[in-house]
All heavy atoms as atom14 arrays in JSON, in Angstrom:
{
  "sequence": "NARAKRELDALLDRAPQLAHRSVAGEYQDLPVNEVQVGDVLLVRPSE",
  "atom14_mask": [
    [1, 1, 1, 1, 1, 1, 1, 1, 0, 0, 0, 0, 0, 0],
    [1, 1, 1, 1, 1, 0, 0, 0, 0, 0, 0, 0, 0, 0],
    [1, 1, 1, 1, 1, 1, 1, 1, 1, 1, 1, 0, 0, 0],
    [1, 1, 1, 1, 1, 0, 0, 0, 0, 0, 0, 0, 0, 0],
    [1, 1, 1, 1, 1, 1, 1, 1, 1, 0, 0, 0, 0, 0],
    [1, 1, 1, 1, 1, 1, 1, 1, 1, 1, 1, 0, 0, 0],
    [1, 1, 1, 1, 1, 1, 1, 1, 1, 0, 0, 0, 0, 0],
    [1, 1, 1, 1, 1, 1, 1, 1, 0, 0, 0, 0, 0, 0],
    [1, 1, 1, 1, 1, 1, 1, 1, 0, 0, 0, 0, 0, 0],
    [1, 1, 1, 1, 1, 0, 0, 0, 0, 0, 0, 0, 0, 0],
    [1, 1, 1, 1, 1, 1, 1, 1, 0, 0, 0, 0, 0, 0],
    [1, 1, 1, 1, 1, 1, 1, 1, 0, 0, 0, 0, 0, 0],
    [1, 1, 1, 1, 1, 1, 1, 1, 0, 0, 0, 0, 0, 0],
    [1, 1, 1, 1, 1, 1, 1, 1, 1, 1, 1, 0, 0, 0],
    [1, 1, 1, 1, 1, 0, 0, 0, 0, 0, 0, 0, 0, 0],
    [1, 1, 1, 1, 1, 1, 1, 0, 0, 0, 0, 0, 0, 0],
    [1, 1, 1, 1, 1, 1, 1, 1, 1, 0, 0, 0, 0, 0],
    [1, 1, 1, 1, 1, 1, 1, 1, 0, 0, 0, 0, 0, 0],
    [1, 1, 1, 1, 1, 0, 0, 0, 0, 0, 0, 0, 0, 0],
    [1, 1, 1, 1, 1, 1, 1, 1, 1, 1, 0, 0, 0, 0],
    [1, 1, 1, 1, 1, 1, 1, 1, 1, 1, 1, 0, 0, 0],
    [1, 1, 1, 1, 1, 1, 0, 0, 0, 0, 0, 0, 0, 0],
    [1, 1, 1, 1, 1, 1, 1, 0, 0, 0, 0, 0, 0, 0],
    [1, 1, 1, 1, 1, 0, 0, 0, 0, 0, 0, 0, 0, 0],
    [1, 1, 1, 1, 0, 0, 0, 0, 0, 0, 0, 0, 0, 0],
    [1, 1, 1, 1, 1, 1, 1, 1, 1, 0, 0, 0, 0, 0],
    [1, 1, 1, 1, 1, 1, 1, 1, 1, 1, 1, 1, 0, 0],
    [1, 1, 1, 1, 1, 1, 1, 1, 1, 0, 0, 0, 0, 0],
    [1, 1, 1, 1, 1, 1, 1, 1, 0, 0, 0, 0, 0, 0],
    [1, 1, 1, 1, 1, 1, 1, 1, 0, 0, 0, 0, 0, 0],
    [1, 1, 1, 1, 1, 1, 1, 0, 0, 0, 0, 0, 0, 0],
    [1, 1, 1, 1, 1, 1, 1, 0, 0, 0, 0, 0, 0, 0],
    [1, 1, 1, 1, 1, 1, 1, 1, 0, 0, 0, 0, 0, 0],
    [1, 1, 1, 1, 1, 1, 1, 1, 1, 0, 0, 0, 0, 0],
    [1, 1, 1, 1, 1, 1, 1, 0, 0, 0, 0, 0, 0, 0],
    [1, 1, 1, 1, 1, 1, 1, 1, 1, 0, 0, 0, 0, 0],
    [1, 1, 1, 1, 1, 1, 1, 0, 0, 0, 0, 0, 0, 0],
    [1, 1, 1, 1, 0, 0, 0, 0, 0, 0, 0, 0, 0, 0],
    [1, 1, 1, 1, 1, 1, 1, 1, 0, 0, 0, 0, 0, 0],
    [1, 1, 1, 1, 1, 1, 1, 0, 0, 0, 0, 0, 0, 0],
    [1, 1, 1, 1, 1, 1, 1, 1, 0, 0, 0, 0, 0, 0],
    [1, 1, 1, 1, 1, 1, 1, 1, 0, 0, 0, 0, 0, 0],
    [1, 1, 1, 1, 1, 1, 1, 0, 0, 0, 0, 0, 0, 0],
    [1, 1, 1, 1, 1, 1, 1, 1, 1, 1, 1, 0, 0, 0],
    [1, 1, 1, 1, 1, 1, 1, 0, 0, 0, 0, 0, 0, 0],
    [1, 1, 1, 1, 1, 1, 0, 0, 0, 0, 0, 0, 0, 0],
    [1, 1, 1, 1, 1, 1, 1, 1, 1, 0, 0, 0, 0, 0]
  ],
  "atom14_positions": [
    [[122.69, 137.89, 51.65], [123.11, 137.09, 52.83], [122.29, 137.41, 54.06], [121.91, 136.52, 54.82], [124.6, 137.33, 53.11], [125.48, 136.68, 52.07], [125.0, 135.91, 51.21], [126.77, 137.03, 52.09], [0.0, 0.0, 0.0], [0.0, 0.0, 0.0], [0.0, 0.0, 0.0], [0.0, 0.0, 0.0], [0.0, 0.0, 0.0], [0.0, 0.0, 0.0]],
    [[122.03, 138.72, 54.29], [121.24, 139.09, 55.46], [119.82, 138.5, 55.33], [119.26, 138.05, 56.31], [121.17, 140.63, 55.54], [0.0, 0.0, 0.0], [0.0, 0.0, 0.0], [0.0, 0.0, 0.0], [0.0, 0.0, 0.0], [0.0, 0.0, 0.0], [0.0, 0.0, 0.0], [0.0, 0.0, 0.0], [0.0, 0.0, 0.0], [0.0, 0.0, 0.0]],
    [[119.28, 138.48, 54.13], [117.94, 137.91, 53.92], [117.98, 136.42, 54.16], [117.1, 135.84, 54.8], [117.49, 138.18, 52.48], [116.25, 137.47, 52.07], [115.01, 137.97, 52.84], [113.81, 137.33, 52.43], [113.37, 136.13, 52.85], [114.07, 135.53, 53.81], [112.26, 135.61, 52.44], [0.0, 0.0, 0.0], [0.0, 0.0, 0.0], [0.0, 0.0, 0.0]],
    [[119.06, 135.77, 53.66], [119.17, 134.34, 53.84], [119.44, 133.92, 55.25], [119.01, 132.86, 55.7], [120.28, 133.8, 52.89], [0.0, 0.0, 0.0], [0.0, 0.0, 0.0], [0.0, 0.0, 0.0], [0.0, 0.0, 0.0], [0.0, 0.0, 0.0], [0.0, 0.0, 0.0], [0.0, 0.0, 0.0], [0.0, 0.0, 0.0], [0.0, 0.0, 0.0]],
    [[120.17, 134.76, 56.02], [120.55, 134.42, 57.4], [119.55, 134.89, 58.42], [119.86, 134.89, 59.59], [121.94, 135.0, 57.68], [123.05, 134.39, 56.99], [124.4, 134.81, 57.55], [124.61, 136.3, 57.46], [125.92, 136.69, 57.97], [0.0, 0.0, 0.0], [0.0, 0.0, 0.0], [0.0, 0.0, 0.0], [0.0, 0.0, 0.0], [0.0, 0.0, 0.0]],
    [[118.36, 135.25, 58.0], [117.44, 135.92, 58.94], [117.13, 135.0, 60.15], [117.11, 135.45, 61.26], [116.15, 136.26, 58.19], [115.11, 137.02, 59.03], [114.01, 137.58, 58.19], [113.31, 136.55, 57.48], [112.41, 136.78, 56.56], [112.14, 138.02, 56.21], [111.79, 135.77, 55.94], [0.0, 0.0, 0.0], [0.0, 0.0, 0.0], [0.0, 0.0, 0.0]],
    [[116.91, 133.72, 59.87], [116.55, 132.84, 60.98], [117.8, 132.59, 61.88], [117.67, 132.46, 63.09], [116.03, 131.48, 60.47], [114.55, 131.58, 60.01], [114.44, 132.21, 58.64], [115.48, 132.31, 57.9], [113.29, 132.65, 58.32], [0.0, 0.0, 0.0], [0.0, 0.0, 0.0], [0.0, 0.0, 0.0], [0.0, 0.0, 0.0], [0.0, 0.0, 0.0]],
    [[118.97, 132.49, 61.26], [120.17, 132.34, 62.06], [120.39, 133.53, 62.94], [120.7, 133.42, 64.13], [121.38, 132.09, 61.14], [121.36, 130.84, 60.28], [122.68, 130.75, 59.48], [121.21, 129.62, 61.09], [0.0, 0.0, 0.0], [0.0, 0.0, 0.0], [0.0, 0.0, 0.0], [0.0, 0.0, 0.0], [0.0, 0.0, 0.0], [0.0, 0.0, 0.0]],
    [[120.35, 134.7, 62.36], [120.58, 135.95, 63.12], [119.51, 136.13, 64.2], [119.82, 136.69, 65.25], [120.55, 137.17, 62.15], [121.73, 137.16, 61.21], [122.73, 136.47, 61.52], [121.67, 137.83, 60.17], [0.0, 0.0, 0.0], [0.0, 0.0, 0.0], [0.0, 0.0, 0.0], [0.0, 0.0, 0.0], [0.0, 0.0, 0.0], [0.0, 0.0, 0.0]],
    [[118.34, 135.68, 63.97], [117.25, 135.84, 64.99], [117.66, 135.12, 66.28], [117.43, 135.61, 67.36], [115.97, 135.24, 64.45], [0.0, 0.0, 0.0], [0.0, 0.0, 0.0], [0.0, 0.0, 0.0], [0.0, 0.0, 0.0], [0.0, 0.0, 0.0], [0.0, 0.0, 0.0], [0.0, 0.0, 0.0], [0.0, 0.0, 0.0], [0.0, 0.0, 0.0]],
    [[118.28, 133.96, 66.17], [118.73, 133.26, 67.35], [119.86, 134.02, 68.03], [119.85, 134.12, 69.29], [119.3, 131.82, 66.96], [118.21, 130.81, 66.58], [118.93, 129.56, 66.04], [117.39, 130.42, 67.77], [0.0, 0.0, 0.0], [0.0, 0.0, 0.0], [0.0, 0.0, 0.0], [0.0, 0.0, 0.0], [0.0, 0.0, 0.0], [0.0, 0.0, 0.0]],
    [[120.77, 134.58, 67.32], [121.87, 135.32, 67.9], [121.4, 136.57, 68.6], [121.79, 136.91, 69.67], [122.91, 135.67, 66.8], [123.63, 134.47, 66.13], [124.45, 134.96, 64.98], [124.49, 133.74, 67.16], [0.0, 0.0, 0.0], [0.0, 0.0, 0.0], [0.0, 0.0, 0.0], [0.0, 0.0, 0.0], [0.0, 0.0, 0.0], [0.0, 0.0, 0.0]],
    [[120.49, 137.3, 67.89], [120.05, 138.59, 68.42], [119.15, 138.43, 69.64], [119.05, 139.35, 70.47], [119.23, 139.35, 67.34], [120.12, 139.71, 66.16], [121.36, 139.78, 66.32], [119.56, 139.97, 65.1], [0.0, 0.0, 0.0], [0.0, 0.0, 0.0], [0.0, 0.0, 0.0], [0.0, 0.0, 0.0], [0.0, 0.0, 0.0], [0.0, 0.0, 0.0]],
    [[118.49, 137.28, 69.79], [117.57, 137.08, 70.92], [118.24, 136.54, 72.16], [117.59, 136.28, 73.16], [116.45, 136.19, 70.49], [115.51, 136.75, 69.45], [114.44, 135.74, 69.03], [113.59, 135.35, 70.08], [113.67, 134.19, 70.77], [114.64, 133.32, 70.48], [112.85, 133.89, 71.73], [0.0, 0.0, 0.0], [0.0, 0.0, 0.0], [0.0, 0.0, 0.0]],
    [[119.5, 136.35, 72.16], [120.23, 135.79, 73.32], [119.98, 136.7, 74.54], [120.22, 137.89, 74.52], [121.72, 135.7, 73.06], [0.0, 0.0, 0.0], [0.0, 0.0, 0.0], [0.0, 0.0, 0.0], [0.0, 0.0, 0.0], [0.0, 0.0, 0.0], [0.0, 0.0, 0.0], [0.0, 0.0, 0.0], [0.0, 0.0, 0.0], [0.0, 0.0, 0.0]],
    [[119.44, 136.13, 75.64], [119.14, 136.91, 76.85], [120.41, 137.55, 77.41], [121.45, 136.95, 77.44], [118.53, 135.87, 77.82], [118.11, 134.72, 76.95], [119.09, 134.71, 75.8], [0.0, 0.0, 0.0], [0.0, 0.0, 0.0], [0.0, 0.0, 0.0], [0.0, 0.0, 0.0], [0.0, 0.0, 0.0], [0.0, 0.0, 0.0], [0.0, 0.0, 0.0]],
    [[120.23, 138.78, 77.89], [121.36, 139.49, 78.48], [121.26, 139.71, 79.99], [122.24, 139.76, 80.68], [121.49, 140.91, 77.82], [121.66, 140.88, 76.3], [122.93, 140.15, 75.88], [123.98, 140.34, 76.52], [122.85, 139.36, 74.82], [0.0, 0.0, 0.0], [0.0, 0.0, 0.0], [0.0, 0.0, 0.0], [0.0, 0.0, 0.0], [0.0, 0.0, 0.0]],
    [[120.0, 139.77, 80.49], [119.76, 139.98, 81.94], [118.89, 138.92, 82.48], [118.07, 138.28, 81.81], [119.11, 141.34, 82.16], [119.96, 142.6, 81.84], [119.1, 143.84, 82.04], [121.16, 142.64, 82.76], [0.0, 0.0, 0.0], [0.0, 0.0, 0.0], [0.0, 0.0, 0.0], [0.0, 0.0, 0.0], [0.0, 0.0, 0.0], [0.0, 0.0, 0.0]],
    [[118.99, 138.69, 83.81], [118.13, 137.8, 84.56], [117.68, 138.53, 85.84], [118.35, 139.47, 86.29], [118.82, 136.51, 84.89], [0.0, 0.0, 0.0], [0.0, 0.0, 0.0], [0.0, 0.0, 0.0], [0.0, 0.0, 0.0], [0.0, 0.0, 0.0], [0.0, 0.0, 0.0], [0.0, 0.0, 0.0], [0.0, 0.0, 0.0], [0.0, 0.0, 0.0]],
    [[116.53, 138.1, 86.4], [116.01, 138.71, 87.6], [116.11, 137.68, 88.73], [115.31, 136.72, 88.78], [114.58, 139.15, 87.36], [114.32, 139.83, 86.07], [114.95, 140.99, 85.72], [113.55, 139.45, 85.01], [114.54, 141.34, 84.48], [113.71, 140.41, 84.03], [0.0, 0.0, 0.0], [0.0, 0.0, 0.0], [0.0, 0.0, 0.0], [0.0, 0.0, 0.0]],
    [[117.08, 137.85, 89.63], [117.31, 136.84, 90.66], [116.65, 137.29, 91.95], [116.68, 138.46, 92.36], [118.81, 136.68, 90.87], [119.17, 135.63, 91.93], [120.65, 135.31, 91.97], [121.46, 136.47, 92.26], [122.77, 136.5, 92.17], [123.39, 135.42, 91.74], [123.46, 137.6, 92.45], [0.0, 0.0, 0.0], [0.0, 0.0, 0.0], [0.0, 0.0, 0.0]],
    [[116.14, 136.29, 92.68], [115.48, 136.56, 93.99], [116.56, 136.67, 95.06], [117.34, 135.76, 95.29], [114.48, 135.42, 94.31], [113.94, 135.61, 95.6], [0.0, 0.0, 0.0], [0.0, 0.0, 0.0], [0.0, 0.0, 0.0], [0.0, 0.0, 0.0], [0.0, 0.0, 0.0], [0.0, 0.0, 0.0], [0.0, 0.0, 0.0], [0.0, 0.0, 0.0]],
    [[116.58, 137.82, 95.76], [117.51, 138.03, 96.84], [116.68, 138.55, 98.06], [116.11, 139.7, 97.95], [118.6, 139.03, 96.47], [119.52, 139.26, 97.7], [119.38, 138.51, 95.32], [0.0, 0.0, 0.0], [0.0, 0.0, 0.0], [0.0, 0.0, 0.0], [0.0, 0.0, 0.0], [0.0, 0.0, 0.0], [0.0, 0.0, 0.0], [0.0, 0.0, 0.0]],
    [[116.56, 137.8, 99.11], [115.84, 138.22, 100.31], [114.39, 138.64, 99.96], [113.87, 139.62, 100.45], [116.57, 139.38, 101.01], [0.0, 0.0, 0.0], [0.0, 0.0, 0.0], [0.0, 0.0, 0.0], [0.0, 0.0, 0.0], [0.0, 0.0, 0.0], [0.0, 0.0, 0.0], [0.0, 0.0, 0.0], [0.0, 0.0, 0.0], [0.0, 0.0, 0.0]],
    [[113.77, 137.86, 99.06], [112.4, 138.14, 98.71], [112.2, 139.17, 97.65], [111.06, 139.42, 97.23], [0.0, 0.0, 0.0], [0.0, 0.0, 0.0], [0.0, 0.0, 0.0], [0.0, 0.0, 0.0], [0.0, 0.0, 0.0], [0.0, 0.0, 0.0], [0.0, 0.0, 0.0], [0.0, 0.0, 0.0], [0.0, 0.0, 0.0], [0.0, 0.0, 0.0]],
    [[113.26, 139.8, 97.21], [113.16, 140.83, 96.18], [113.97, 140.35, 94.98], [114.91, 139.61, 95.07], [113.72, 142.16, 96.64], [112.91, 142.75, 97.81], [113.43, 144.09, 98.19], [114.47, 144.56, 97.59], [112.85, 144.76, 99.1], [0.0, 0.0, 0.0], [0.0, 0.0, 0.0], [0.0, 0.0, 0.0], [0.0, 0.0, 0.0], [0.0, 0.0, 0.0]],
    [[113.52, 140.81, 93.78], [114.2, 140.42, 92.56], [115.13, 141.52, 92.11], [114.76, 142.67, 92.0], [113.16, 140.08, 91.45], [112.45, 138.78, 91.7], [111.16, 138.79, 92.23], [113.07, 137.57, 91.4], [110.49, 137.59, 92.43], [112.42, 136.36, 91.64], [111.12, 136.41, 92.15], [110.49, 135.23, 92.36], [0.0, 0.0, 0.0], [0.0, 0.0, 0.0]],
    [[116.4, 141.14, 91.79], [117.4, 142.1, 91.37], [117.95, 141.7, 89.99], [118.14, 140.47, 89.74], [118.54, 142.17, 92.37], [118.15, 142.6, 93.77], [119.29, 142.61, 94.74], [120.45, 142.21, 94.43], [119.07, 143.07, 95.98], [0.0, 0.0, 0.0], [0.0, 0.0, 0.0], [0.0, 0.0, 0.0], [0.0, 0.0, 0.0], [0.0, 0.0, 0.0]],
    [[118.17, 142.66, 89.15], [118.72, 142.39, 87.81], [120.18, 142.09, 87.9], [120.91, 142.74, 88.69], [118.48, 143.54, 86.84], [117.0, 143.71, 86.52], [116.23, 142.82, 86.86], [116.66, 144.79, 85.92], [0.0, 0.0, 0.0], [0.0, 0.0, 0.0], [0.0, 0.0, 0.0], [0.0, 0.0, 0.0], [0.0, 0.0, 0.0], [0.0, 0.0, 0.0]],
    [[120.66, 141.16, 87.1], [122.07, 140.88, 86.99], [122.37, 140.3, 85.64], [121.49, 139.77, 84.95], [122.51, 139.85, 88.09], [122.14, 138.35, 87.9], [123.02, 137.51, 88.76], [120.69, 138.09, 88.19], [0.0, 0.0, 0.0], [0.0, 0.0, 0.0], [0.0, 0.0, 0.0], [0.0, 0.0, 0.0], [0.0, 0.0, 0.0], [0.0, 0.0, 0.0]],
    [[123.62, 140.41, 85.17], [123.98, 139.86, 83.85], [123.75, 138.33, 83.87], [123.96, 137.67, 84.84], [125.49, 140.17, 83.72], [125.68, 141.36, 84.58], [124.76, 141.16, 85.72], [0.0, 0.0, 0.0], [0.0, 0.0, 0.0], [0.0, 0.0, 0.0], [0.0, 0.0, 0.0], [0.0, 0.0, 0.0], [0.0, 0.0, 0.0], [0.0, 0.0, 0.0]],
    [[123.21, 137.85, 82.72], [122.82, 136.46, 82.68], [123.98, 135.5, 82.97], [123.78, 134.41, 83.44], [122.18, 136.16, 81.32], [123.17, 136.19, 80.19], [121.5, 134.79, 81.31], [0.0, 0.0, 0.0], [0.0, 0.0, 0.0], [0.0, 0.0, 0.0], [0.0, 0.0, 0.0], [0.0, 0.0, 0.0], [0.0, 0.0, 0.0], [0.0, 0.0, 0.0]],
    [[125.23, 135.89, 82.57], [126.38, 135.01, 82.82], [126.81, 134.95, 84.27], [127.69, 134.18, 84.62], [127.55, 135.44, 81.98], [127.97, 136.88, 82.22], [127.48, 137.55, 83.1], [128.92, 137.38, 81.42], [0.0, 0.0, 0.0], [0.0, 0.0, 0.0], [0.0, 0.0, 0.0], [0.0, 0.0, 0.0], [0.0, 0.0, 0.0], [0.0, 0.0, 0.0]],
    [[126.11, 135.71, 85.19], [126.4, 135.58, 86.59], [125.4, 134.7, 87.34], [125.48, 134.51, 88.57], [126.43, 137.0, 87.23], [127.5, 137.94, 86.7], [127.51, 139.27, 87.33], [126.77, 139.43, 88.38], [128.21, 140.16, 86.87], [0.0, 0.0, 0.0], [0.0, 0.0, 0.0], [0.0, 0.0, 0.0], [0.0, 0.0, 0.0], [0.0, 0.0, 0.0]],
    [[124.43, 134.19, 86.63], [123.44, 133.28, 87.27], [124.14, 131.98, 87.67], [124.9, 131.4, 86.9], [122.26, 132.99, 86.26], [121.36, 131.91, 86.9], [121.52, 134.25, 85.97], [0.0, 0.0, 0.0], [0.0, 0.0, 0.0], [0.0, 0.0, 0.0], [0.0, 0.0, 0.0], [0.0, 0.0, 0.0], [0.0, 0.0, 0.0], [0.0, 0.0, 0.0]],
    [[123.83, 131.55, 88.88], [124.38, 130.31, 89.4], [123.33, 129.19, 89.5], [122.13, 129.54, 89.61], [125.04, 130.5, 90.77], [126.12, 131.57, 90.82], [127.35, 131.17, 89.95], [127.74, 129.99, 89.98], [127.89, 132.1, 89.24], [0.0, 0.0, 0.0], [0.0, 0.0, 0.0], [0.0, 0.0, 0.0], [0.0, 0.0, 0.0], [0.0, 0.0, 0.0]],
    [[123.77, 127.97, 89.44], [122.83, 126.83, 89.62], [122.18, 126.96, 90.97], [122.84, 127.18, 92.01], [123.55, 125.48, 89.48], [122.57, 124.34, 89.75], [124.13, 125.36, 88.09], [0.0, 0.0, 0.0], [0.0, 0.0, 0.0], [0.0, 0.0, 0.0], [0.0, 0.0, 0.0], [0.0, 0.0, 0.0], [0.0, 0.0, 0.0], [0.0, 0.0, 0.0]],
    [[120.87, 126.85, 91.02], [120.13, 126.95, 92.27], [119.46, 128.29, 92.46], [118.58, 128.41, 93.29], [0.0, 0.0, 0.0], [0.0, 0.0, 0.0], [0.0, 0.0, 0.0], [0.0, 0.0, 0.0], [0.0, 0.0, 0.0], [0.0, 0.0, 0.0], [0.0, 0.0, 0.0], [0.0, 0.0, 0.0], [0.0, 0.0, 0.0], [0.0, 0.0, 0.0]],
    [[119.85, 129.31, 91.73], [119.23, 130.63, 91.83], [117.78, 130.58, 91.48], [117.38, 129.91, 90.49], [119.97, 131.65, 90.95], [121.28, 132.08, 91.5], [121.57, 131.73, 92.68], [122.07, 132.75, 90.83], [0.0, 0.0, 0.0], [0.0, 0.0, 0.0], [0.0, 0.0, 0.0], [0.0, 0.0, 0.0], [0.0, 0.0, 0.0], [0.0, 0.0, 0.0]],
    [[116.98, 131.31, 92.21], [115.53, 131.45, 91.86], [115.39, 132.7, 90.97], [115.79, 133.8, 91.41], [114.67, 131.55, 93.12], [113.22, 131.83, 92.72], [114.77, 130.28, 93.93], [0.0, 0.0, 0.0], [0.0, 0.0, 0.0], [0.0, 0.0, 0.0], [0.0, 0.0, 0.0], [0.0, 0.0, 0.0], [0.0, 0.0, 0.0], [0.0, 0.0, 0.0]],
    [[114.83, 132.55, 89.85], [114.74, 133.65, 88.88], [113.26, 133.93, 88.51], [112.45, 133.06, 88.52], [115.48, 133.28, 87.59], [116.99, 132.87, 87.72], [117.49, 132.43, 86.36], [117.78, 133.98, 88.29], [0.0, 0.0, 0.0], [0.0, 0.0, 0.0], [0.0, 0.0, 0.0], [0.0, 0.0, 0.0], [0.0, 0.0, 0.0], [0.0, 0.0, 0.0]],
    [[113.04, 135.2, 88.26], [111.7, 135.63, 87.8], [111.78, 135.83, 86.3], [112.71, 136.48, 85.75], [111.31, 136.95, 88.46], [109.98, 137.59, 87.95], [108.79, 136.76, 88.38], [109.9, 139.01, 88.43], [0.0, 0.0, 0.0], [0.0, 0.0, 0.0], [0.0, 0.0, 0.0], [0.0, 0.0, 0.0], [0.0, 0.0, 0.0], [0.0, 0.0, 0.0]],
    [[110.83, 135.24, 85.58], [110.72, 135.45, 84.13], [109.39, 136.2, 83.88], [108.33, 135.66, 84.13], [110.72, 134.14, 83.33], [110.71, 134.39, 81.86], [111.93, 133.32, 83.7], [0.0, 0.0, 0.0], [0.0, 0.0, 0.0], [0.0, 0.0, 0.0], [0.0, 0.0, 0.0], [0.0, 0.0, 0.0], [0.0, 0.0, 0.0], [0.0, 0.0, 0.0]],
    [[109.5, 137.4, 83.44], [108.36, 138.26, 83.27], [107.57, 137.91, 81.97], [108.09, 137.19, 81.14], [108.76, 139.74, 83.22], [109.33, 140.19, 84.59], [110.0, 141.56, 84.5], [110.43, 142.0, 85.83], [111.41, 142.88, 86.02], [112.0, 143.42, 84.96], [111.8, 143.21, 87.22], [0.0, 0.0, 0.0], [0.0, 0.0, 0.0], [0.0, 0.0, 0.0]],
    [[106.35, 138.41, 81.84], [105.59, 138.13, 80.63], [106.35, 138.53, 79.33], [106.94, 139.59, 79.26], [104.31, 138.95, 80.81], [104.14, 139.11, 82.26], [105.55, 139.16, 82.86], [0.0, 0.0, 0.0], [0.0, 0.0, 0.0], [0.0, 0.0, 0.0], [0.0, 0.0, 0.0], [0.0, 0.0, 0.0], [0.0, 0.0, 0.0], [0.0, 0.0, 0.0]],
    [[106.3, 137.63, 78.38], [106.96, 137.84, 77.06], [108.46, 137.9, 77.11], [109.08, 138.21, 76.11], [106.34, 139.12, 76.39], [104.98, 139.0, 76.23], [0.0, 0.0, 0.0], [0.0, 0.0, 0.0], [0.0, 0.0, 0.0], [0.0, 0.0, 0.0], [0.0, 0.0, 0.0], [0.0, 0.0, 0.0], [0.0, 0.0, 0.0], [0.0, 0.0, 0.0]],
    [[109.05, 137.62, 78.28], [110.51, 137.6, 78.38], [111.04, 136.21, 77.92], [110.34, 135.22, 77.98], [111.02, 137.92, 79.79], [111.03, 139.38, 80.13], [111.8, 139.65, 81.39], [111.93, 138.67, 82.21], [112.22, 140.79, 81.61], [0.0, 0.0, 0.0], [0.0, 0.0, 0.0], [0.0, 0.0, 0.0], [0.0, 0.0, 0.0], [0.0, 0.0, 0.0]]
  ]
}
């Protein structure tokens, strides 16, 4: 089952947990579920 579900599990395991939000010109980490519409976010290389 683990072999068969590899692609399904890959989607689940890759769910982002953190975001980098711009606050006063600086980027601060916060849980992804706290991101609000309109927030400016930094996405780093390979993130």
